[in-house]
Amino acid sequence: MGSRDADIDFTFTRPTTVRALLDALIATGWSAVVPVGHVAYMLNDGDDSYEWYDSKPELIDEALAVLDATANLPYTVALNVYHAEAKTGGMLMFHPGRTDVSFVPSIERRLVPSAPQFTDLAWYLHALVPALITAGLRGYEAREVRY
C-alpha cells in the first residue's frame, strides 16, 4: 500500500515563538506533555543534524528557552504537542524565520471514520486554527500524500 504523509503548514503574519504558539494551544486543551509523561523537542544545528531530547514536564520553561534562543533562530526546531481529551497529537516544526510552522499528526493519528486510510485533517484544523488565529495565523495548507 505504501506510506502516507499528512501535514498542515501554517503561515504567520510575523515571526512567532514556540512559547507563543504553545501558550495559545494550551488555552484550547493542548499540552507539551505527551502520553508517556515527558516533553519531547528537537533541535537542528549548523551540521544539519536533528537531535531529539526528552525533558520532564516541570522543566518545560528551560526547553522552551532553548527552542526560542536567538542562536537557534536560523535552524529548524520542533515540539511535540498532545490533546489529552482527544487522545491525539503531533509535532509542531518551526522553520527558520519562524513565520512558517508545520504540524505533523504523529501521536495516535486521528483517521476519517468512513475512510480510515486517510488522516482526519479537518479535525486537526478545527482543533488548531482557532487557537493559532490568536497568535497571528495568516493562512494554512493541509495535505496528505501517499507514496
N, C-alpha and C. Protein backbone atom coordinates (compact mmCIF):
# COMPACT_ATOMS: atom_id res chain seq x y z
N MET A 1 0.81 -1.19 0.00
CA MET A 1 0.00 0.00 0.00
C MET A 1 0.86 1.26 0.00
N GLY A 2 2.08 1.20 0.50
CA GLY A 2 2.89 2.39 0.55
C GLY A 2 2.71 3.14 1.86
N SER A 3 3.39 4.25 1.98
CA SER A 3 3.28 5.05 3.19
C SER A 3 2.50 6.33 2.90
N ARG A 4 2.03 6.95 3.96
CA ARG A 4 1.26 8.18 3.85
C ARG A 4 1.91 9.24 4.72
N ASP A 5 1.95 10.45 4.20
CA ASP A 5 2.40 11.60 4.97
C ASP A 5 1.28 12.62 4.99
N ALA A 6 0.98 13.12 6.16
CA ALA A 6 -0.03 14.17 6.31
C ALA A 6 0.59 15.30 7.11
N ASP A 7 0.30 16.53 6.71
CA ASP A 7 0.77 17.67 7.49
C ASP A 7 -0.06 18.90 7.16
N ILE A 8 0.06 19.87 8.04
CA ILE A 8 -0.58 21.17 7.85
C ILE A 8 0.52 22.21 7.99
N ASP A 9 0.68 23.03 6.97
CA ASP A 9 1.67 24.11 7.00
C ASP A 9 0.96 25.42 7.32
N PHE A 10 1.36 26.04 8.42
CA PHE A 10 0.78 27.31 8.86
C PHE A 10 1.74 28.44 8.53
N THR A 11 1.18 29.58 8.13
CA THR A 11 1.97 30.78 7.88
C THR A 11 1.45 31.88 8.81
N PHE A 12 2.37 32.58 9.44
CA PHE A 12 2.03 33.63 10.40
C PHE A 12 2.39 35.00 9.84
N THR A 13 1.71 36.02 10.33
CA THR A 13 1.91 37.38 9.84
C THR A 13 3.26 37.95 10.27
N ARG A 14 3.84 37.40 11.30
CA ARG A 14 5.13 37.86 11.81
C ARG A 14 5.83 36.65 12.45
N PRO A 15 7.14 36.73 12.65
CA PRO A 15 7.82 35.61 13.30
C PRO A 15 7.18 35.31 14.66
N THR A 16 7.10 34.03 14.95
CA THR A 16 6.49 33.61 16.20
C THR A 16 7.51 32.83 17.02
N THR A 17 7.11 32.41 18.19
CA THR A 17 7.97 31.62 19.06
C THR A 17 7.25 30.33 19.43
N VAL A 18 8.04 29.36 19.85
CA VAL A 18 7.45 28.11 20.33
C VAL A 18 6.57 28.40 21.54
N ARG A 19 7.05 29.24 22.44
CA ARG A 19 6.29 29.58 23.64
C ARG A 19 4.94 30.23 23.29
N ALA A 20 4.94 31.15 22.34
CA ALA A 20 3.70 31.83 21.97
C ALA A 20 2.66 30.86 21.42
N LEU A 21 3.09 29.95 20.55
CA LEU A 21 2.13 29.00 20.00
C LEU A 21 1.69 27.99 21.03
N LEU A 22 2.60 27.54 21.87
CA LEU A 22 2.21 26.60 22.93
C LEU A 22 1.22 27.26 23.88
N ASP A 23 1.47 28.51 24.27
CA ASP A 23 0.52 29.21 25.15
C ASP A 23 -0.85 29.32 24.50
N ALA A 24 -0.91 29.61 23.21
CA ALA A 24 -2.20 29.70 22.51
C ALA A 24 -2.89 28.34 22.48
N LEU A 25 -2.13 27.28 22.26
CA LEU A 25 -2.73 25.94 22.19
C LEU A 25 -3.17 25.43 23.55
N ILE A 26 -2.43 25.76 24.59
CA ILE A 26 -2.81 25.32 25.95
C ILE A 26 -4.21 25.81 26.29
N ALA A 27 -4.56 27.00 25.83
CA ALA A 27 -5.89 27.56 26.12
C ALA A 27 -7.01 26.74 25.50
N THR A 28 -6.69 25.87 24.53
CA THR A 28 -7.72 25.06 23.88
C THR A 28 -7.53 23.56 24.13
N GLY A 29 -6.79 23.21 25.18
CA GLY A 29 -6.69 21.80 25.57
C GLY A 29 -5.45 21.06 25.15
N TRP A 30 -4.53 21.72 24.47
CA TRP A 30 -3.29 21.08 24.06
C TRP A 30 -2.25 21.19 25.17
N SER A 31 -1.21 20.36 25.11
CA SER A 31 -0.14 20.37 26.09
C SER A 31 1.16 19.93 25.43
N ALA A 32 2.27 20.28 26.05
CA ALA A 32 3.56 19.80 25.58
C ALA A 32 3.91 18.46 26.22
N VAL A 33 3.09 17.98 27.13
CA VAL A 33 3.34 16.70 27.79
C VAL A 33 2.66 15.60 26.97
N VAL A 34 3.46 14.70 26.44
CA VAL A 34 2.95 13.60 25.63
C VAL A 34 2.57 12.42 26.52
N PRO A 35 1.83 11.42 25.99
CA PRO A 35 1.29 10.35 26.83
C PRO A 35 2.27 9.61 27.72
N VAL A 36 3.51 9.53 27.35
CA VAL A 36 4.47 8.83 28.21
C VAL A 36 4.97 9.71 29.35
N GLY A 37 4.42 10.91 29.49
CA GLY A 37 4.71 11.75 30.63
C GLY A 37 5.94 12.63 30.52
N HIS A 38 6.39 12.91 29.31
CA HIS A 38 7.55 13.79 29.16
C HIS A 38 7.30 14.81 28.06
N VAL A 39 8.22 15.74 27.95
CA VAL A 39 8.20 16.76 26.90
C VAL A 39 9.26 16.35 25.88
N ALA A 40 8.89 16.27 24.61
CA ALA A 40 9.84 15.89 23.57
C ALA A 40 10.03 17.07 22.61
N TYR A 41 11.30 17.41 22.37
CA TYR A 41 11.59 18.52 21.46
C TYR A 41 12.83 18.21 20.63
N MET A 42 12.96 18.92 19.52
CA MET A 42 14.04 18.65 18.57
C MET A 42 14.75 19.94 18.22
N LEU A 43 16.05 19.82 18.05
CA LEU A 43 16.90 20.92 17.60
C LEU A 43 17.67 20.48 16.37
N ASN A 44 17.73 21.35 15.38
CA ASN A 44 18.61 21.16 14.25
C ASN A 44 19.78 22.12 14.47
N ASP A 45 20.87 21.93 13.79
CA ASP A 45 22.01 22.82 14.00
C ASP A 45 22.76 23.04 12.70
N GLY A 46 23.86 23.72 12.80
CA GLY A 46 24.66 24.04 11.63
C GLY A 46 25.16 22.82 10.88
N ASP A 47 25.26 21.68 11.54
CA ASP A 47 25.67 20.44 10.89
C ASP A 47 24.49 19.72 10.24
N ASP A 48 23.30 20.34 10.34
CA ASP A 48 22.06 19.77 9.80
C ASP A 48 21.74 18.42 10.41
N SER A 49 22.06 18.26 11.69
CA SER A 49 21.69 17.04 12.39
C SER A 49 20.50 17.33 13.30
N TYR A 50 19.52 16.46 13.24
CA TYR A 50 18.31 16.60 14.04
C TYR A 50 18.47 15.78 15.31
N GLU A 51 18.44 16.44 16.44
CA GLU A 51 18.60 15.76 17.73
C GLU A 51 17.33 15.93 18.55
N TRP A 52 16.76 14.81 18.97
CA TRP A 52 15.56 14.84 19.82
C TRP A 52 15.98 14.73 21.28
N TYR A 53 15.24 15.45 22.12
CA TYR A 53 15.51 15.47 23.56
C TYR A 53 14.21 15.21 24.31
N ASP A 54 14.33 14.58 25.45
CA ASP A 54 13.21 14.39 26.36
C ASP A 54 13.48 15.19 27.62
N SER A 55 12.43 15.80 28.14
CA SER A 55 12.56 16.61 29.34
C SER A 55 11.39 16.31 30.27
N LYS A 56 11.56 16.62 31.51
CA LYS A 56 10.48 16.47 32.47
C LYS A 56 9.51 17.63 32.31
N PRO A 57 8.20 17.39 32.51
CA PRO A 57 7.22 18.47 32.37
C PRO A 57 7.55 19.70 33.22
N GLU A 58 8.11 19.50 34.39
CA GLU A 58 8.42 20.65 35.24
C GLU A 58 9.58 21.48 34.71
N LEU A 59 10.27 20.99 33.69
CA LEU A 59 11.38 21.73 33.09
C LEU A 59 11.01 22.32 31.73
N ILE A 60 9.72 22.46 31.46
CA ILE A 60 9.25 22.97 30.18
C ILE A 60 9.79 24.36 29.88
N ASP A 61 9.90 25.23 30.88
CA ASP A 61 10.41 26.58 30.64
C ASP A 61 11.84 26.56 30.10
N GLU A 62 12.65 25.65 30.61
CA GLU A 62 14.01 25.54 30.11
C GLU A 62 14.03 25.04 28.67
N ALA A 63 13.17 24.07 28.36
CA ALA A 63 13.10 23.54 26.99
C ALA A 63 12.65 24.64 26.02
N LEU A 64 11.65 25.42 26.42
CA LEU A 64 11.15 26.50 25.56
C LEU A 64 12.22 27.57 25.37
N ALA A 65 12.99 27.86 26.41
CA ALA A 65 14.07 28.84 26.28
C ALA A 65 15.11 28.38 25.27
N VAL A 66 15.42 27.10 25.26
CA VAL A 66 16.37 26.56 24.29
C VAL A 66 15.79 26.66 22.88
N LEU A 67 14.53 26.24 22.71
CA LEU A 67 13.90 26.26 21.38
C LEU A 67 13.80 27.68 20.82
N ASP A 68 13.53 28.65 21.69
CA ASP A 68 13.35 30.04 21.25
C ASP A 68 14.63 30.87 21.33
N ALA A 69 15.75 30.27 21.68
CA ALA A 69 17.01 31.00 21.81
C ALA A 69 17.41 31.64 20.48
N THR A 70 17.96 32.82 20.55
CA THR A 70 18.41 33.54 19.36
C THR A 70 19.35 32.69 18.52
N ALA A 71 20.21 31.92 19.15
CA ALA A 71 21.16 31.07 18.43
C ALA A 71 20.46 30.01 17.59
N ASN A 72 19.23 29.65 17.93
CA ASN A 72 18.51 28.61 17.18
C ASN A 72 17.56 29.16 16.12
N LEU A 73 17.44 30.48 16.00
CA LEU A 73 16.53 31.06 15.01
C LEU A 73 16.85 30.68 13.56
N PRO A 74 18.12 30.49 13.19
CA PRO A 74 18.39 30.10 11.79
C PRO A 74 18.11 28.62 11.51
N TYR A 75 17.74 27.86 12.54
CA TYR A 75 17.59 26.42 12.39
C TYR A 75 16.14 25.98 12.66
N THR A 76 15.83 24.79 12.20
CA THR A 76 14.53 24.18 12.46
C THR A 76 14.52 23.62 13.88
N VAL A 77 13.42 23.87 14.58
CA VAL A 77 13.20 23.28 15.90
C VAL A 77 11.79 22.70 15.91
N ALA A 78 11.53 21.80 16.85
CA ALA A 78 10.21 21.19 16.91
C ALA A 78 9.84 20.86 18.35
N LEU A 79 8.54 20.80 18.59
CA LEU A 79 7.99 20.43 19.89
C LEU A 79 6.79 19.54 19.65
N ASN A 80 6.73 18.41 20.35
CA ASN A 80 5.55 17.57 20.27
C ASN A 80 4.47 18.14 21.17
N VAL A 81 3.23 18.12 20.67
CA VAL A 81 2.08 18.59 21.45
C VAL A 81 1.02 17.49 21.45
N TYR A 82 0.18 17.51 22.47
CA TYR A 82 -0.81 16.45 22.66
C TYR A 82 -2.09 17.03 23.21
N HIS A 83 -3.21 16.51 22.71
CA HIS A 83 -4.54 16.90 23.20
C HIS A 83 -5.09 15.71 23.97
N ALA A 84 -5.00 15.78 25.30
CA ALA A 84 -5.34 14.62 26.14
C ALA A 84 -6.80 14.19 25.99
N GLU A 85 -7.72 15.14 25.91
CA GLU A 85 -9.13 14.78 25.79
C GLU A 85 -9.40 14.03 24.48
N ALA A 86 -8.76 14.46 23.41
CA ALA A 86 -8.95 13.83 22.10
C ALA A 86 -8.03 12.63 21.90
N LYS A 87 -7.06 12.48 22.78
CA LYS A 87 -6.08 11.38 22.70
C LYS A 87 -5.33 11.35 21.36
N THR A 88 -4.85 12.52 20.95
CA THR A 88 -4.08 12.62 19.72
C THR A 88 -3.11 13.79 19.82
N GLY A 89 -2.13 13.79 18.95
CA GLY A 89 -1.18 14.90 18.95
C GLY A 89 -0.24 14.79 17.77
N GLY A 90 0.83 15.56 17.85
CA GLY A 90 1.79 15.55 16.76
C GLY A 90 2.93 16.50 17.02
N MET A 91 3.66 16.76 15.96
CA MET A 91 4.85 17.59 16.05
C MET A 91 4.60 18.95 15.41
N LEU A 92 4.93 20.01 16.15
CA LEU A 92 4.97 21.36 15.60
C LEU A 92 6.42 21.63 15.21
N MET A 93 6.66 21.87 13.93
CA MET A 93 8.01 22.12 13.44
C MET A 93 8.12 23.57 13.00
N PHE A 94 9.02 24.31 13.64
CA PHE A 94 9.23 25.73 13.39
C PHE A 94 10.41 25.87 12.43
N HIS A 95 10.15 26.43 11.27
CA HIS A 95 11.17 26.57 10.24
C HIS A 95 11.96 27.87 10.43
N PRO A 96 13.17 27.96 9.88
CA PRO A 96 13.96 29.18 10.00
C PRO A 96 13.13 30.41 9.59
N GLY A 97 13.28 31.48 10.35
CA GLY A 97 12.49 32.68 10.12
C GLY A 97 11.25 32.74 10.98
N ARG A 98 10.79 31.58 11.39
CA ARG A 98 9.67 31.42 12.34
C ARG A 98 8.33 32.01 11.89
N THR A 99 8.15 32.24 10.58
CA THR A 99 6.82 32.60 10.09
C THR A 99 6.10 31.39 9.52
N ASP A 100 6.82 30.32 9.28
CA ASP A 100 6.24 29.07 8.78
C ASP A 100 6.42 27.97 9.82
N VAL A 101 5.31 27.33 10.15
CA VAL A 101 5.29 26.27 11.16
C VAL A 101 4.47 25.12 10.59
N SER A 102 4.99 23.92 10.66
CA SER A 102 4.26 22.74 10.19
C SER A 102 3.76 21.93 11.38
N PHE A 103 2.59 21.33 11.20
CA PHE A 103 2.08 20.38 12.19
C PHE A 103 1.98 19.02 11.50
N VAL A 104 2.59 18.01 12.10
CA VAL A 104 2.55 16.66 11.57
C VAL A 104 1.82 15.78 12.58
N PRO A 105 0.61 15.30 12.26
CA PRO A 105 -0.10 14.42 13.20
C PRO A 105 0.64 13.09 13.30
N SER A 106 1.20 12.81 14.45
CA SER A 106 2.05 11.63 14.58
C SER A 106 1.83 10.84 15.86
N ILE A 107 1.01 11.35 16.76
CA ILE A 107 0.75 10.65 18.01
C ILE A 107 -0.71 10.22 18.00
N GLU A 108 -0.95 8.91 17.87
CA GLU A 108 -2.32 8.39 17.79
C GLU A 108 -3.13 9.19 16.78
N ARG A 109 -2.64 9.19 15.55
CA ARG A 109 -3.25 9.97 14.46
C ARG A 109 -4.74 9.67 14.33
N ARG A 110 -5.54 10.74 14.25
CA ARG A 110 -6.98 10.60 14.03
C ARG A 110 -7.24 10.31 12.56
N LEU A 111 -8.09 9.34 12.31
CA LEU A 111 -8.42 8.95 10.94
C LEU A 111 -9.85 9.34 10.62
N VAL A 112 -10.15 9.49 9.32
CA VAL A 112 -11.51 9.77 8.88
C VAL A 112 -12.32 8.49 9.12
N PRO A 113 -13.38 8.55 9.94
CA PRO A 113 -14.13 7.32 10.28
C PRO A 113 -14.62 6.53 9.07
N SER A 114 -15.12 7.20 8.06
CA SER A 114 -15.66 6.48 6.90
C SER A 114 -14.60 6.18 5.83
N ALA A 115 -13.37 6.66 6.05
CA ALA A 115 -12.26 6.40 5.12
C ALA A 115 -10.97 6.31 5.94
N PRO A 116 -10.81 5.23 6.71
CA PRO A 116 -9.70 5.15 7.67
C PRO A 116 -8.30 5.13 7.05
N GLN A 117 -8.20 5.08 5.75
CA GLN A 117 -6.88 5.17 5.15
C GLN A 117 -6.39 6.63 5.09
N PHE A 118 -7.26 7.57 5.47
CA PHE A 118 -6.91 8.99 5.45
C PHE A 118 -6.91 9.60 6.85
N THR A 119 -6.05 10.58 7.04
CA THR A 119 -5.96 11.33 8.29
C THR A 119 -7.10 12.34 8.33
N ASP A 120 -7.71 12.51 9.48
CA ASP A 120 -8.81 13.46 9.65
C ASP A 120 -8.24 14.87 9.81
N LEU A 121 -7.71 15.41 8.71
CA LEU A 121 -7.11 16.74 8.76
C LEU A 121 -8.12 17.81 9.16
N ALA A 122 -9.39 17.60 8.83
CA ALA A 122 -10.43 18.57 9.23
C ALA A 122 -10.50 18.66 10.75
N TRP A 123 -10.38 17.54 11.45
CA TRP A 123 -10.41 17.59 12.91
C TRP A 123 -9.24 18.42 13.43
N TYR A 124 -8.04 18.15 12.89
CA TYR A 124 -6.86 18.90 13.35
C TYR A 124 -6.99 20.39 13.06
N LEU A 125 -7.51 20.74 11.89
CA LEU A 125 -7.72 22.15 11.58
C LEU A 125 -8.68 22.79 12.57
N HIS A 126 -9.77 22.10 12.86
CA HIS A 126 -10.76 22.62 13.81
C HIS A 126 -10.15 22.78 15.20
N ALA A 127 -9.25 21.89 15.56
CA ALA A 127 -8.63 21.93 16.90
C ALA A 127 -7.48 22.92 16.99
N LEU A 128 -6.84 23.25 15.88
CA LEU A 128 -5.65 24.11 15.92
C LEU A 128 -5.90 25.55 15.47
N VAL A 129 -6.65 25.73 14.39
CA VAL A 129 -6.78 27.06 13.77
C VAL A 129 -7.33 28.12 14.72
N PRO A 130 -8.42 27.87 15.47
CA PRO A 130 -8.92 28.95 16.35
C PRO A 130 -7.87 29.46 17.34
N ALA A 131 -7.08 28.57 17.89
CA ALA A 131 -6.02 29.00 18.82
C ALA A 131 -4.93 29.75 18.09
N LEU A 132 -4.55 29.27 16.92
CA LEU A 132 -3.44 29.89 16.20
C LEU A 132 -3.80 31.25 15.61
N ILE A 133 -5.08 31.49 15.37
CA ILE A 133 -5.51 32.82 14.92
C ILE A 133 -5.10 33.87 15.95
N THR A 134 -5.22 33.52 17.23
CA THR A 134 -4.86 34.48 18.28
C THR A 134 -3.36 34.77 18.29
N ALA A 135 -2.56 33.92 17.62
CA ALA A 135 -1.11 34.10 17.58
C ALA A 135 -0.64 34.67 16.24
N GLY A 136 -1.57 35.18 15.41
CA GLY A 136 -1.19 35.83 14.18
C GLY A 136 -1.22 34.94 12.94
N LEU A 137 -2.02 33.88 12.96
CA LEU A 137 -2.12 33.00 11.81
C LEU A 137 -2.62 33.77 10.59
N ARG A 138 -1.92 33.64 9.47
CA ARG A 138 -2.31 34.28 8.22
C ARG A 138 -2.98 33.29 7.26
N GLY A 139 -2.54 32.04 7.29
CA GLY A 139 -3.11 31.04 6.39
C GLY A 139 -2.54 29.66 6.67
N TYR A 140 -3.09 28.68 5.95
CA TYR A 140 -2.61 27.31 6.11
C TYR A 140 -2.82 26.53 4.82
N GLU A 141 -2.09 25.44 4.71
CA GLU A 141 -2.26 24.48 3.63
C GLU A 141 -2.19 23.09 4.25
N ALA A 142 -3.23 22.30 4.04
CA ALA A 142 -3.28 20.93 4.59
C ALA A 142 -3.18 19.95 3.43
N ARG A 143 -2.42 18.87 3.64
CA ARG A 143 -2.29 17.89 2.58
C ARG A 143 -1.96 16.51 3.15
N GLU A 144 -2.35 15.53 2.37
CA GLU A 144 -1.97 14.15 2.66
C GLU A 144 -1.56 13.52 1.35
N VAL A 145 -0.43 12.84 1.37
CA VAL A 145 0.13 12.27 0.15
C VAL A 145 0.47 10.80 0.41
N ARG A 146 0.15 9.97 -0.54
CA ARG A 146 0.52 8.56 -0.48
C ARG A 146 1.73 8.35 -1.39
N TYR A 147 2.73 7.63 -0.88
CA TYR A 147 3.94 7.35 -1.66
C TYR A 147 3.97 5.89 -2.07
